[in-house]
Amino acid sequence: MKRFFSYDDQNNFVLHETLEEAKAAAEKAFDYCSDEARSEGWSESVDEICYGELRGHVVETLREPWDIDKHGEAPEEGCEHVQYALHDLPHNT
């Protein structure tokens, strides 16, 4: 799983394999804003450029056939009952 990210208002949220890739993407976005600032002034969203490491994510914890006795009336035919939970990712820090 890609666990590093960068964000800017042009590319939005992007996942990366390494922290270095995430930082490089944020630096590229900042450089673009800096170049634009010379002629148009600083973008209002320049302070939203960021990068970092994901700390958790949602995972599927259960998938089973729909059971009317347990789950009530199915919303549509052929449904499965699925549950998700937010889990922390292990970290090197």
N, C-alpha and C. Protein backbone atom coordinates (compact mmCIF):
# COMPACT_ATOMS: atom_id res chain seq x y z
N MET A 1 0.84 -1.19 0.00
CA MET A 1 0.00 0.00 0.00
C MET A 1 0.88 1.25 0.00
N LYS A 2 0.53 2.19 -0.85
CA LYS A 2 1.23 3.47 -0.87
C LYS A 2 0.86 4.23 0.40
N ARG A 3 1.84 4.62 1.18
CA ARG A 3 1.53 5.22 2.48
C ARG A 3 1.95 6.68 2.61
N PHE A 4 2.47 7.28 1.54
CA PHE A 4 2.85 8.69 1.57
C PHE A 4 1.96 9.47 0.61
N PHE A 5 1.75 10.75 0.91
CA PHE A 5 0.83 11.54 0.10
C PHE A 5 1.37 12.94 -0.12
N SER A 6 0.84 13.56 -1.16
CA SER A 6 1.03 14.99 -1.36
C SER A 6 -0.34 15.57 -1.69
N TYR A 7 -0.49 16.87 -1.44
CA TYR A 7 -1.75 17.54 -1.75
C TYR A 7 -1.45 18.95 -2.25
N ASP A 8 -2.14 19.33 -3.31
CA ASP A 8 -2.21 20.72 -3.75
C ASP A 8 -3.50 20.88 -4.53
N ASP A 9 -3.91 22.13 -4.75
CA ASP A 9 -5.24 22.34 -5.35
C ASP A 9 -5.29 22.00 -6.84
N GLN A 10 -4.16 21.79 -7.49
CA GLN A 10 -4.16 21.40 -8.91
C GLN A 10 -4.26 19.88 -9.07
N ASN A 11 -3.49 19.14 -8.28
CA ASN A 11 -3.43 17.68 -8.40
C ASN A 11 -4.26 16.96 -7.35
N ASN A 12 -4.73 17.72 -6.35
CA ASN A 12 -5.49 17.17 -5.24
C ASN A 12 -4.65 16.18 -4.44
N PHE A 13 -5.25 15.13 -3.95
CA PHE A 13 -4.61 14.15 -3.07
C PHE A 13 -3.99 13.06 -3.92
N VAL A 14 -2.66 12.87 -3.81
CA VAL A 14 -1.96 11.86 -4.60
C VAL A 14 -1.16 10.97 -3.65
N LEU A 15 -1.26 9.66 -3.85
CA LEU A 15 -0.48 8.71 -3.05
C LEU A 15 0.86 8.42 -3.73
N HIS A 16 1.91 8.21 -2.90
CA HIS A 16 3.27 7.97 -3.40
C HIS A 16 3.87 6.77 -2.68
N GLU A 17 4.85 6.14 -3.33
CA GLU A 17 5.56 5.00 -2.74
C GLU A 17 6.52 5.42 -1.62
N THR A 18 7.15 6.59 -1.77
CA THR A 18 8.15 7.02 -0.81
C THR A 18 7.88 8.43 -0.32
N LEU A 19 8.45 8.76 0.82
CA LEU A 19 8.36 10.12 1.35
C LEU A 19 9.06 11.10 0.41
N GLU A 20 10.15 10.68 -0.18
CA GLU A 20 10.88 11.54 -1.11
C GLU A 20 10.02 11.92 -2.32
N GLU A 21 9.27 10.96 -2.86
CA GLU A 21 8.37 11.25 -3.98
C GLU A 21 7.29 12.23 -3.56
N ALA A 22 6.73 12.04 -2.38
CA ALA A 22 5.67 12.93 -1.88
C ALA A 22 6.21 14.35 -1.70
N LYS A 23 7.39 14.46 -1.11
CA LYS A 23 7.99 15.78 -0.90
C LYS A 23 8.31 16.44 -2.24
N ALA A 24 8.83 15.68 -3.19
CA ALA A 24 9.15 16.23 -4.51
C ALA A 24 7.90 16.76 -5.20
N ALA A 25 6.78 16.05 -5.07
CA ALA A 25 5.52 16.52 -5.67
C ALA A 25 5.06 17.82 -5.02
N ALA A 26 5.19 17.91 -3.70
CA ALA A 26 4.81 19.14 -3.00
C ALA A 26 5.74 20.29 -3.40
N GLU A 27 7.02 20.01 -3.52
CA GLU A 27 7.97 21.04 -3.95
C GLU A 27 7.66 21.52 -5.37
N LYS A 28 7.31 20.60 -6.25
CA LYS A 28 6.95 20.97 -7.62
C LYS A 28 5.72 21.88 -7.63
N ALA A 29 4.72 21.53 -6.82
CA ALA A 29 3.52 22.35 -6.73
C ALA A 29 3.86 23.74 -6.18
N PHE A 30 4.72 23.79 -5.17
CA PHE A 30 5.12 25.08 -4.60
C PHE A 30 5.90 25.90 -5.62
N ASP A 31 6.81 25.26 -6.35
CA ASP A 31 7.57 25.97 -7.39
C ASP A 31 6.64 26.57 -8.43
N TYR A 32 5.61 25.82 -8.83
CA TYR A 32 4.63 26.33 -9.79
C TYR A 32 3.93 27.57 -9.23
N CYS A 33 3.49 27.49 -7.97
CA CYS A 33 2.83 28.64 -7.34
C CYS A 33 3.77 29.83 -7.25
N SER A 34 5.03 29.56 -6.95
CA SER A 34 6.03 30.62 -6.85
C SER A 34 6.22 31.31 -8.20
N ASP A 35 6.30 30.53 -9.27
CA ASP A 35 6.42 31.10 -10.62
C ASP A 35 5.20 31.95 -10.97
N GLU A 36 4.02 31.43 -10.66
CA GLU A 36 2.78 32.15 -10.93
C GLU A 36 2.69 33.45 -10.11
N ALA A 37 3.24 33.43 -8.91
CA ALA A 37 3.17 34.60 -8.02
C ALA A 37 3.91 35.79 -8.61
N ARG A 38 4.91 35.54 -9.44
CA ARG A 38 5.68 36.63 -10.05
C ARG A 38 4.81 37.51 -10.94
N SER A 39 3.80 36.90 -11.57
CA SER A 39 2.96 37.67 -12.49
C SER A 39 1.54 37.90 -11.99
N GLU A 40 1.07 37.00 -11.14
CA GLU A 40 -0.34 37.08 -10.73
C GLU A 40 -0.54 37.21 -9.23
N GLY A 41 0.53 37.19 -8.45
CA GLY A 41 0.40 37.19 -7.00
C GLY A 41 0.24 35.77 -6.49
N TRP A 42 0.43 35.62 -5.19
CA TRP A 42 0.35 34.28 -4.59
C TRP A 42 -1.08 33.74 -4.65
N SER A 43 -1.19 32.48 -4.94
CA SER A 43 -2.47 31.79 -4.94
C SER A 43 -3.01 31.75 -3.51
N GLU A 44 -4.31 31.86 -3.36
CA GLU A 44 -4.93 31.78 -2.03
C GLU A 44 -4.73 30.40 -1.40
N SER A 45 -4.46 29.39 -2.22
CA SER A 45 -4.35 28.03 -1.70
C SER A 45 -2.89 27.57 -1.52
N VAL A 46 -1.93 28.47 -1.66
CA VAL A 46 -0.53 28.06 -1.55
C VAL A 46 -0.24 27.40 -0.21
N ASP A 47 -0.89 27.87 0.85
CA ASP A 47 -0.62 27.31 2.18
C ASP A 47 -1.32 25.97 2.42
N GLU A 48 -2.01 25.46 1.41
CA GLU A 48 -2.62 24.13 1.51
C GLU A 48 -1.72 23.04 0.93
N ILE A 49 -0.63 23.42 0.27
CA ILE A 49 0.30 22.44 -0.28
C ILE A 49 0.95 21.70 0.88
N CYS A 50 0.92 20.38 0.84
CA CYS A 50 1.49 19.60 1.94
C CYS A 50 1.87 18.20 1.46
N TYR A 51 2.60 17.51 2.31
CA TYR A 51 2.95 16.11 2.07
C TYR A 51 3.12 15.43 3.42
N GLY A 52 3.05 14.12 3.43
CA GLY A 52 3.20 13.42 4.69
C GLY A 52 2.99 11.93 4.56
N GLU A 53 2.78 11.31 5.70
CA GLU A 53 2.62 9.86 5.79
C GLU A 53 1.23 9.54 6.34
N LEU A 54 0.58 8.57 5.71
CA LEU A 54 -0.72 8.13 6.19
C LEU A 54 -0.55 7.42 7.53
N ARG A 55 -1.45 7.64 8.43
CA ARG A 55 -1.39 7.02 9.76
C ARG A 55 -2.41 5.89 9.94
N GLY A 56 -3.39 5.83 9.07
CA GLY A 56 -4.40 4.79 9.16
C GLY A 56 -5.21 4.73 7.89
N HIS A 57 -6.00 3.67 7.75
CA HIS A 57 -6.86 3.52 6.59
C HIS A 57 -8.02 2.58 6.92
N VAL A 58 -9.03 2.60 6.09
CA VAL A 58 -10.21 1.77 6.28
C VAL A 58 -9.98 0.42 5.61
N VAL A 59 -10.32 -0.64 6.32
CA VAL A 59 -10.20 -1.99 5.77
C VAL A 59 -11.52 -2.74 5.95
N GLU A 60 -11.76 -3.66 5.04
CA GLU A 60 -12.94 -4.53 5.16
C GLU A 60 -12.66 -5.56 6.23
N THR A 61 -13.58 -5.70 7.18
CA THR A 61 -13.39 -6.65 8.28
C THR A 61 -14.33 -7.85 8.20
N LEU A 62 -15.39 -7.74 7.42
CA LEU A 62 -16.35 -8.84 7.33
C LEU A 62 -17.11 -8.74 6.02
N ARG A 63 -17.30 -9.88 5.37
CA ARG A 63 -18.15 -9.97 4.18
C ARG A 63 -18.87 -11.31 4.27
N GLU A 64 -20.18 -11.26 4.27
CA GLU A 64 -20.96 -12.49 4.39
C GLU A 64 -22.26 -12.34 3.61
N PRO A 65 -22.86 -13.45 3.23
CA PRO A 65 -24.15 -13.37 2.54
C PRO A 65 -25.18 -12.67 3.43
N TRP A 66 -26.10 -11.97 2.80
CA TRP A 66 -27.15 -11.27 3.54
C TRP A 66 -28.04 -12.29 4.23
N ASP A 67 -28.29 -12.08 5.52
CA ASP A 67 -29.15 -12.96 6.31
C ASP A 67 -30.30 -12.12 6.84
N ILE A 68 -31.51 -12.39 6.36
CA ILE A 68 -32.68 -11.60 6.76
C ILE A 68 -32.87 -11.62 8.27
N ASP A 69 -32.61 -12.76 8.91
CA ASP A 69 -32.76 -12.86 10.37
C ASP A 69 -31.78 -11.95 11.11
N LYS A 70 -30.57 -11.81 10.60
CA LYS A 70 -29.56 -10.98 11.26
C LYS A 70 -29.60 -9.51 10.82
N HIS A 71 -29.87 -9.27 9.52
CA HIS A 71 -29.69 -7.94 8.96
C HIS A 71 -30.99 -7.27 8.52
N GLY A 72 -32.08 -7.98 8.61
CA GLY A 72 -33.35 -7.41 8.16
C GLY A 72 -33.52 -7.57 6.65
N GLU A 73 -34.48 -6.87 6.12
CA GLU A 73 -34.79 -6.95 4.69
C GLU A 73 -33.62 -6.41 3.87
N ALA A 74 -33.23 -7.13 2.84
CA ALA A 74 -32.11 -6.71 1.98
C ALA A 74 -32.52 -5.51 1.12
N PRO A 75 -31.60 -4.55 0.94
CA PRO A 75 -31.92 -3.40 0.09
C PRO A 75 -32.13 -3.79 -1.36
N GLU A 76 -31.49 -4.87 -1.80
CA GLU A 76 -31.70 -5.38 -3.15
C GLU A 76 -31.29 -6.85 -3.18
N GLU A 77 -31.75 -7.54 -4.19
CA GLU A 77 -31.45 -8.97 -4.28
C GLU A 77 -29.96 -9.20 -4.51
N GLY A 78 -29.42 -10.25 -3.87
CA GLY A 78 -28.02 -10.60 -4.04
C GLY A 78 -27.06 -9.79 -3.20
N CYS A 79 -27.56 -9.07 -2.22
CA CYS A 79 -26.69 -8.24 -1.36
C CYS A 79 -25.83 -9.09 -0.45
N GLU A 80 -24.70 -8.50 -0.08
CA GLU A 80 -23.86 -9.08 0.96
C GLU A 80 -23.82 -8.08 2.11
N HIS A 81 -23.60 -8.60 3.30
CA HIS A 81 -23.40 -7.75 4.48
C HIS A 81 -21.90 -7.51 4.60
N VAL A 82 -21.48 -6.23 4.61
CA VAL A 82 -20.07 -5.89 4.66
C VAL A 82 -19.85 -4.91 5.80
N GLN A 83 -18.76 -5.11 6.54
CA GLN A 83 -18.38 -4.18 7.60
C GLN A 83 -16.97 -3.68 7.35
N TYR A 84 -16.72 -2.44 7.75
CA TYR A 84 -15.41 -1.82 7.61
C TYR A 84 -15.00 -1.23 8.95
N ALA A 85 -13.70 -1.06 9.13
CA ALA A 85 -13.18 -0.43 10.33
C ALA A 85 -11.93 0.37 9.97
N LEU A 86 -11.66 1.40 10.76
CA LEU A 86 -10.47 2.22 10.58
C LEU A 86 -9.33 1.59 11.38
N HIS A 87 -8.21 1.30 10.70
CA HIS A 87 -7.06 0.66 11.34
C HIS A 87 -5.82 1.54 11.23
N ASP A 88 -5.03 1.57 12.30
CA ASP A 88 -3.75 2.27 12.27
C ASP A 88 -2.78 1.47 11.43
N LEU A 89 -1.89 2.18 10.73
CA LEU A 89 -0.81 1.55 9.99
C LEU A 89 0.43 1.50 10.88
N PRO A 90 1.24 0.46 10.77
CA PRO A 90 2.49 0.44 11.53
C PRO A 90 3.42 1.52 11.01
N HIS A 91 4.24 2.10 11.90
CA HIS A 91 5.12 3.19 11.51
C HIS A 91 6.54 2.94 11.96
N ASN A 92 7.46 3.59 11.27
CA ASN A 92 8.88 3.48 11.59
C ASN A 92 9.34 4.57 12.54
N THR A 93 8.43 5.45 12.96
CA THR A 93 8.82 6.57 13.81
C THR A 93 8.65 6.24 15.26
